[in-house]
Amino acid sequence: MKRAGRLLRRALRRLGAPGIAGIGVLAACAAMLVSTQLPLQARIATERAALEGRAAGRERGGAPLSPEAGLEAFYRFFATGVGAEQQLERLFALARRHQLELLQGTYRYNRGQGEKLARYEVTLPVKGTYAQIRRFLAAALNEIPVASLDRIAFERKRAADSQVEAAIRFTLFVEQPGAAREAR
């Protein structure tokens, strides 16, 4: 046991500080490989197998969606059964949850003749910190999947102010009343 300790000390003296640092870097690289790269490679292999399985299913006769079926699936995404008013209330509730001050907004409902989707354009002036506004936007786009963020403009009165004013324009895409009955 003593002999092994002496040999180890002698080897460390021969390596010196740069050699010991190199061994530490190699150990850190090995730990990073095991903790990050190997799990990612396993995930890639799983995703590749799933993709190959889908491709094999198409070769066996499972055809991809026709354009008509794809379009119908697209419209089904927007057929939530929730109207523009309810989506707008969800947007307001999210703003309150993120402690934003809502100022006077503007709203415009656009529906095209013969179109299945209507657009409800909402411009919301809000006041809060930049972080609050970012969290609100992320939550709104996550919880209201039929919403799109069209425009945002930030304004700060003075450079030292923590509060910013933002003009946010969303478009809420909703199924037009009667469009669901026509499609069926």
C-alpha atoms as a PDB file:
ATOM      1  CA  MET A   1       0.000   0.000   0.000  1.00  0.00           C
ATOM      2  CA  LYS A   2       2.810   2.357   0.911  1.00  0.00           C
ATOM      3  CA  ARG A   3       4.608   1.450  -2.284  1.00  0.00           C
ATOM      4  CA  ALA A   4       1.554   2.347  -4.420  1.00  0.00           C
ATOM      5  CA  GLY A   5       1.317   5.707  -2.649  1.00  0.00           C
ATOM      6  CA  ARG A   6       4.990   6.416  -3.322  1.00  0.00           C
ATOM      7  CA  LEU A   7       4.602   5.487  -6.982  1.00  0.00           C
ATOM      8  CA  LEU A   8       1.561   7.742  -7.302  1.00  0.00           C
ATOM      9  CA  ARG A   9       3.365  10.699  -5.705  1.00  0.00           C
ATOM     10  CA  ARG A  10       6.364  10.151  -7.977  1.00  0.00           C
ATOM     11  CA  ALA A  11       4.122  10.021 -11.075  1.00  0.00           C
ATOM     12  CA  LEU A  12       2.331  13.227 -10.013  1.00  0.00           C
ATOM     13  CA  ARG A  13       5.666  15.001  -9.498  1.00  0.00           C
ATOM     14  CA  ARG A  14       6.793  13.937 -12.972  1.00  0.00           C
ATOM     15  CA  LEU A  15       3.550  15.214 -14.545  1.00  0.00           C
ATOM     16  CA  GLY A  16       3.687  18.547 -12.801  1.00  0.00           C
ATOM     17  CA  ALA A  17       0.856  21.065 -12.696  1.00  0.00           C
ATOM     18  CA  PRO A  18       0.204  21.053 -16.472  1.00  0.00           C
ATOM     19  CA  GLY A  19      -0.074  17.261 -16.558  1.00  0.00           C
ATOM     20  CA  ILE A  20      -2.423  17.160 -13.584  1.00  0.00           C
ATOM     21  CA  ALA A  21      -4.558  19.898 -15.195  1.00  0.00           C
ATOM     22  CA  GLY A  22      -4.638  17.871 -18.425  1.00  0.00           C
ATOM     23  CA  ILE A  23      -5.852  14.795 -16.556  1.00  0.00           C
ATOM     24  CA  GLY A  24      -8.558  16.948 -14.936  1.00  0.00           C
ATOM     25  CA  VAL A  25      -9.671  18.248 -18.338  1.00  0.00           C
ATOM     26  CA  LEU A  26      -9.808  14.698 -19.710  1.00  0.00           C
ATOM     27  CA  ALA A  27     -11.907  13.599 -16.734  1.00  0.00           C
ATOM     28  CA  ALA A  28     -14.275  16.537 -17.250  1.00  0.00           C
ATOM     29  CA  CYS A  29     -14.610  15.688 -20.943  1.00  0.00           C
ATOM     30  CA  ALA A  30     -15.396  12.078 -20.119  1.00  0.00           C
ATOM     31  CA  ALA A  31     -18.033  13.172 -17.595  1.00  0.00           C
ATOM     32  CA  MET A  32     -19.596  15.528 -20.159  1.00  0.00           C
ATOM     33  CA  LEU A  33     -19.655  12.791 -22.781  1.00  0.00           C
ATOM     34  CA  VAL A  34     -21.445  10.420 -20.447  1.00  0.00           C
ATOM     35  CA  SER A  35     -23.895  13.007 -19.118  1.00  0.00           C
ATOM     36  CA  THR A  36     -24.849  14.797 -22.358  1.00  0.00           C
ATOM     37  CA  GLN A  37     -23.710  13.187 -25.567  1.00  0.00           C
ATOM     38  CA  LEU A  38     -24.672   9.588 -24.910  1.00  0.00           C
ATOM     39  CA  PRO A  39     -28.284  10.414 -23.913  1.00  0.00           C
ATOM     40  CA  LEU A  40     -28.595  12.642 -26.996  1.00  0.00           C
ATOM     41  CA  GLN A  41     -27.303   9.880 -29.229  1.00  0.00           C
ATOM     42  CA  ALA A  42     -29.874   7.509 -27.729  1.00  0.00           C
ATOM     43  CA  ARG A  43     -32.636  10.037 -28.381  1.00  0.00           C
ATOM     44  CA  ILE A  44     -31.470  10.525 -31.976  1.00  0.00           C
ATOM     45  CA  ALA A  45     -31.517   6.757 -32.489  1.00  0.00           C
ATOM     46  CA  THR A  46     -35.076   6.581 -31.107  1.00  0.00           C
ATOM     47  CA  GLU A  47     -36.273   9.432 -33.331  1.00  0.00           C
ATOM     48  CA  ARG A  48     -34.548   7.908 -36.366  1.00  0.00           C
ATOM     49  CA  ALA A  49     -36.228   4.554 -35.706  1.00  0.00           C
ATOM     50  CA  ALA A  50     -39.625   6.237 -35.403  1.00  0.00           C
ATOM     51  CA  LEU A  51     -39.047   8.137 -38.645  1.00  0.00           C
ATOM     52  CA  GLU A  52     -37.958   4.977 -40.452  1.00  0.00           C
ATOM     53  CA  GLY A  53     -41.037   3.209 -39.081  1.00  0.00           C
ATOM     54  CA  ARG A  54     -43.292   5.896 -40.535  1.00  0.00           C
ATOM     55  CA  ALA A  55     -41.470   5.696 -43.865  1.00  0.00           C
ATOM     56  CA  ALA A  56     -41.844   1.896 -43.877  1.00  0.00           C
ATOM     57  CA  GLY A  57     -45.564   2.310 -43.148  1.00  0.00           C
ATOM     58  CA  ARG A  58     -45.931   4.476 -46.241  1.00  0.00           C
ATOM     59  CA  GLU A  59     -44.091   1.905 -48.342  1.00  0.00           C
ATOM     60  CA  ARG A  60     -46.512  -0.792 -47.145  1.00  0.00           C
ATOM     61  CA  GLY A  61     -49.447   1.203 -48.453  1.00  0.00           C
ATOM     62  CA  GLY A  62     -49.982   3.801 -45.743  1.00  0.00           C
ATOM     63  CA  ALA A  63     -50.188   6.794 -48.077  1.00  0.00           C
ATOM     64  CA  PRO A  64     -49.399  10.300 -46.903  1.00  0.00           C
ATOM     65  CA  LEU A  65     -52.304  12.668 -46.407  1.00  0.00           C
ATOM     66  CA  SER A  66     -53.956  13.935 -49.546  1.00  0.00           C
ATOM     67  CA  PRO A  67     -54.028  17.716 -49.942  1.00  0.00           C
ATOM     68  CA  GLU A  68     -57.738  17.726 -49.103  1.00  0.00           C
ATOM     69  CA  ALA A  69     -57.210  15.646 -45.948  1.00  0.00           C
ATOM     70  CA  GLY A  70     -54.291  17.854 -44.943  1.00  0.00           C
ATOM     71  CA  LEU A  71     -56.414  20.974 -45.384  1.00  0.00           C
ATOM     72  CA  GLU A  72     -59.230  19.428 -43.372  1.00  0.00           C
ATOM     73  CA  ALA A  73     -56.762  18.559 -40.576  1.00  0.00           C
ATOM     74  CA  PHE A  74     -55.536  22.162 -40.684  1.00  0.00           C
ATOM     75  CA  TYR A  75     -59.052  23.536 -40.214  1.00  0.00           C
ATOM     76  CA  ARG A  76     -59.785  21.011 -37.444  1.00  0.00           C
ATOM     77  CA  PHE A  77     -56.907  22.564 -35.481  1.00  0.00           C
ATOM     78  CA  PHE A  78     -58.851  25.842 -35.350  1.00  0.00           C
ATOM     79  CA  ALA A  79     -62.209  24.200 -34.578  1.00  0.00           C
ATOM     80  CA  THR A  80     -61.796  24.575 -30.825  1.00  0.00           C
ATOM     81  CA  GLY A  81     -65.403  25.474 -30.157  1.00  0.00           C
ATOM     82  CA  VAL A  82     -64.133  28.545 -28.306  1.00  0.00           C
ATOM     83  CA  GLY A  83     -65.150  31.883 -29.764  1.00  0.00           C
ATOM     84  CA  ALA A  84     -63.091  35.029 -30.155  1.00  0.00           C
ATOM     85  CA  GLU A  85     -64.617  36.568 -27.025  1.00  0.00           C
ATOM     86  CA  GLN A  86     -63.541  33.636 -24.857  1.00  0.00           C
ATOM     87  CA  GLN A  87     -60.043  33.667 -26.392  1.00  0.00           C
ATOM     88  CA  LEU A  88     -59.840  37.396 -25.686  1.00  0.00           C
ATOM     89  CA  GLU A  89     -60.883  36.813 -22.069  1.00  0.00           C
ATOM     90  CA  ARG A  90     -58.111  34.210 -21.756  1.00  0.00           C
ATOM     91  CA  LEU A  91     -55.662  36.796 -23.083  1.00  0.00           C
ATOM     92  CA  PHE A  92     -56.807  39.334 -20.475  1.00  0.00           C
ATOM     93  CA  ALA A  93     -56.590  36.739 -17.711  1.00  0.00           C
ATOM     94  CA  LEU A  94     -53.017  35.934 -18.745  1.00  0.00           C
ATOM     95  CA  ALA A  95     -52.120  39.620 -18.668  1.00  0.00           C
ATOM     96  CA  ARG A  96     -53.560  39.908 -15.159  1.00  0.00           C
ATOM     97  CA  ARG A  97     -51.733  36.764 -14.058  1.00  0.00           C
ATOM     98  CA  HIS A  98     -48.448  38.290 -15.250  1.00  0.00           C
ATOM     99  CA  GLN A  99     -49.296  41.528 -13.411  1.00  0.00           C
ATOM    100  CA  LEU A 100     -49.395  43.697 -16.504  1.00  0.00           C
ATOM    101  CA  GLU A 101     -51.329  46.917 -16.603  1.00  0.00           C
ATOM    102  CA  LEU A 102     -53.728  46.799 -19.554  1.00  0.00           C
ATOM    103  CA  LEU A 103     -54.454  50.090 -21.246  1.00  0.00           C
ATOM    104  CA  GLN A 104     -57.195  50.863 -23.802  1.00  0.00           C
ATOM    105  CA  GLY A 105     -56.984  48.318 -26.628  1.00  0.00           C
ATOM    106  CA  THR A 106     -58.392  48.174 -30.130  1.00  0.00           C
ATOM    107  CA  TYR A 107     -60.190  45.219 -31.670  1.00  0.00           C
ATOM    108  CA  ARG A 108     -61.172  44.370 -35.221  1.00  0.00           C
ATOM    109  CA  TYR A 109     -63.100  41.322 -36.389  1.00  0.00           C
ATOM    110  CA  ASN A 110     -62.386  40.304 -40.006  1.00  0.00           C
ATOM    111  CA  ARG A 111     -64.317  37.573 -41.696  1.00  0.00           C
ATOM    112  CA  GLY A 112     -64.075  36.877 -45.372  1.00  0.00           C
ATOM    113  CA  GLN A 113     -67.043  35.759 -47.404  1.00  0.00           C
ATOM    114  CA  GLY A 114     -66.876  31.990 -47.915  1.00  0.00           C
ATOM    115  CA  GLU A 115     -63.796  31.549 -45.700  1.00  0.00           C
ATOM    116  CA  LYS A 116     -63.765  29.038 -42.878  1.00  0.00           C
ATOM    117  CA  LEU A 117     -61.587  31.119 -40.558  1.00  0.00           C
ATOM    118  CA  ALA A 118     -62.168  34.583 -39.201  1.00  0.00           C
ATOM    119  CA  ARG A 119     -59.456  36.847 -37.815  1.00  0.00           C
ATOM    120  CA  TYR A 120     -59.888  38.808 -34.629  1.00  0.00           C
ATOM    121  CA  GLU A 121     -57.118  41.410 -34.563  1.00  0.00           C
ATOM    122  CA  VAL A 122     -56.323  42.700 -31.085  1.00  0.00           C
ATOM    123  CA  THR A 123     -53.935  45.527 -30.262  1.00  0.00           C
ATOM    124  CA  LEU A 124     -53.141  45.621 -26.555  1.00  0.00           C
ATOM    125  CA  PRO A 125     -51.095  48.411 -25.025  1.00  0.00           C
ATOM    126  CA  VAL A 126     -49.589  47.005 -21.817  1.00  0.00           C
ATOM    127  CA  LYS A 127     -47.310  48.351 -19.133  1.00  0.00           C
ATOM    128  CA  GLY A 128     -44.884  46.295 -17.047  1.00  0.00           C
ATOM    129  CA  THR A 129     -41.315  45.149 -16.890  1.00  0.00           C
ATOM    130  CA  TYR A 130     -39.680  43.675 -19.956  1.00  0.00           C
ATOM    131  CA  ALA A 131     -39.485  40.273 -18.222  1.00  0.00           C
ATOM    132  CA  GLN A 132     -43.211  40.349 -17.341  1.00  0.00           C
ATOM    133  CA  ILE A 133     -44.118  41.159 -20.944  1.00  0.00           C
ATOM    134  CA  ARG A 134     -41.907  38.367 -22.303  1.00  0.00           C
ATOM    135  CA  ARG A 135     -43.417  35.831 -19.907  1.00  0.00           C
ATOM    136  CA  PHE A 136     -46.916  37.002 -20.861  1.00  0.00           C
ATOM    137  CA  LEU A 137     -46.171  36.606 -24.577  1.00  0.00           C
ATOM    138  CA  ALA A 138     -44.734  33.127 -24.087  1.00  0.00           C
ATOM    139  CA  ALA A 139     -47.727  32.059 -22.000  1.00  0.00           C
ATOM    140  CA  ALA A 140     -50.225  33.568 -24.447  1.00  0.00           C
ATOM    141  CA  LEU A 141     -48.725  31.804 -27.455  1.00  0.00           C
ATOM    142  CA  ASN A 142     -48.462  28.556 -25.491  1.00  0.00           C
ATOM    143  CA  GLU A 143     -51.960  28.565 -23.980  1.00  0.00           C
ATOM    144  CA  ILE A 144     -53.802  30.043 -26.955  1.00  0.00           C
ATOM    145  CA  PRO A 145     -52.531  28.047 -29.929  1.00  0.00           C
ATOM    146  CA  VAL A 146     -54.853  29.838 -32.368  1.00  0.00           C
ATOM    147  CA  ALA A 147     -53.136  33.171 -31.620  1.00  0.00           C
ATOM    148  CA  SER A 148     -50.315  34.687 -33.589  1.00  0.00           C
ATOM    149  CA  LEU A 149     -48.070  37.521 -32.488  1.00  0.00           C
ATOM    150  CA  ASP A 150     -48.081  39.992 -35.359  1.00  0.00           C
ATOM    151  CA  ARG A 151     -46.283  43.006 -33.968  1.00  0.00           C
ATOM    152  CA  ILE A 152     -44.729  44.339 -30.801  1.00  0.00           C
ATOM    153  CA  ALA A 153     -43.250  47.744 -30.087  1.00  0.00           C
ATOM    154  CA  PHE A 154     -41.540  48.692 -26.825  1.00  0.00           C
ATOM    155  CA  GLU A 155     -41.194  52.192 -25.431  1.00  0.00           C
ATOM    156  CA  ARG A 156     -39.408  53.322 -22.303  1.00  0.00           C
ATOM    157  CA  LYS A 157     -39.958  56.910 -21.103  1.00  0.00           C
ATOM    158  CA  ARG A 158     -36.521  57.251 -19.473  1.00  0.00           C
ATOM    159  CA  ALA A 159     -33.483  55.001 -19.647  1.00  0.00           C
ATOM    160  CA  ALA A 160     -33.589  54.384 -15.890  1.00  0.00           C
ATOM    161  CA  ASP A 161     -37.262  53.266 -15.876  1.00  0.00           C
ATOM    162  CA  SER A 162     -37.873  49.613 -15.115  1.00  0.00           C
ATOM    163  CA  GLN A 163     -41.389  49.809 -16.574  1.00  0.00           C
ATOM    164  CA  VAL A 164     -41.860  49.732 -20.320  1.00  0.00           C
ATOM    165  CA  GLU A 165     -44.921  50.262 -22.428  1.00  0.00           C
ATOM    166  CA  ALA A 166     -45.532  47.790 -25.212  1.00  0.00           C
ATOM    167  CA  ALA A 167     -48.043  47.817 -28.033  1.00  0.00           C
ATOM    168  CA  ILE A 168     -48.762  44.173 -28.806  1.00  0.00           C
ATOM    169  CA  ARG A 169     -50.817  43.054 -31.783  1.00  0.00           C
ATOM    170  CA  PHE A 170     -52.237  39.546 -31.780  1.00  0.00           C
ATOM    171  CA  THR A 171     -54.433  37.853 -34.329  1.00  0.00           C
ATOM    172  CA  LEU A 172     -56.820  35.233 -33.009  1.00  0.00           C
ATOM    173  CA  PHE A 173     -57.909  32.801 -35.709  1.00  0.00           C
ATOM    174  CA  VAL A 174     -61.352  31.381 -34.997  1.00  0.00           C
ATOM    175  CA  GLU A 175     -63.763  29.215 -36.893  1.00  0.00           C
ATOM    176  CA  GLN A 176     -66.511  31.274 -38.440  1.00  0.00           C
ATOM    177  CA  PRO A 177     -70.012  30.536 -37.195  1.00  0.00           C
ATOM    178  CA  GLY A 178     -71.663  28.185 -39.665  1.00  0.00           C
ATOM    179  CA  ALA A 179     -68.375  27.131 -41.284  1.00  0.00           C
ATOM    180  CA  ALA A 180     -68.311  23.864 -39.339  1.00  0.00           C
ATOM    181  CA  ARG A 181     -71.796  22.945 -40.536  1.00  0.00           C
ATOM    182  CA  GLU A 182     -70.907  23.742 -44.171  1.00  0.00           C
ATOM    183  CA  ALA A 183     -67.809  21.536 -44.061  1.00  0.00           C
ATOM    184  CA  ARG A 184     -69.662  18.489 -42.802  1.00  0.00           C
END
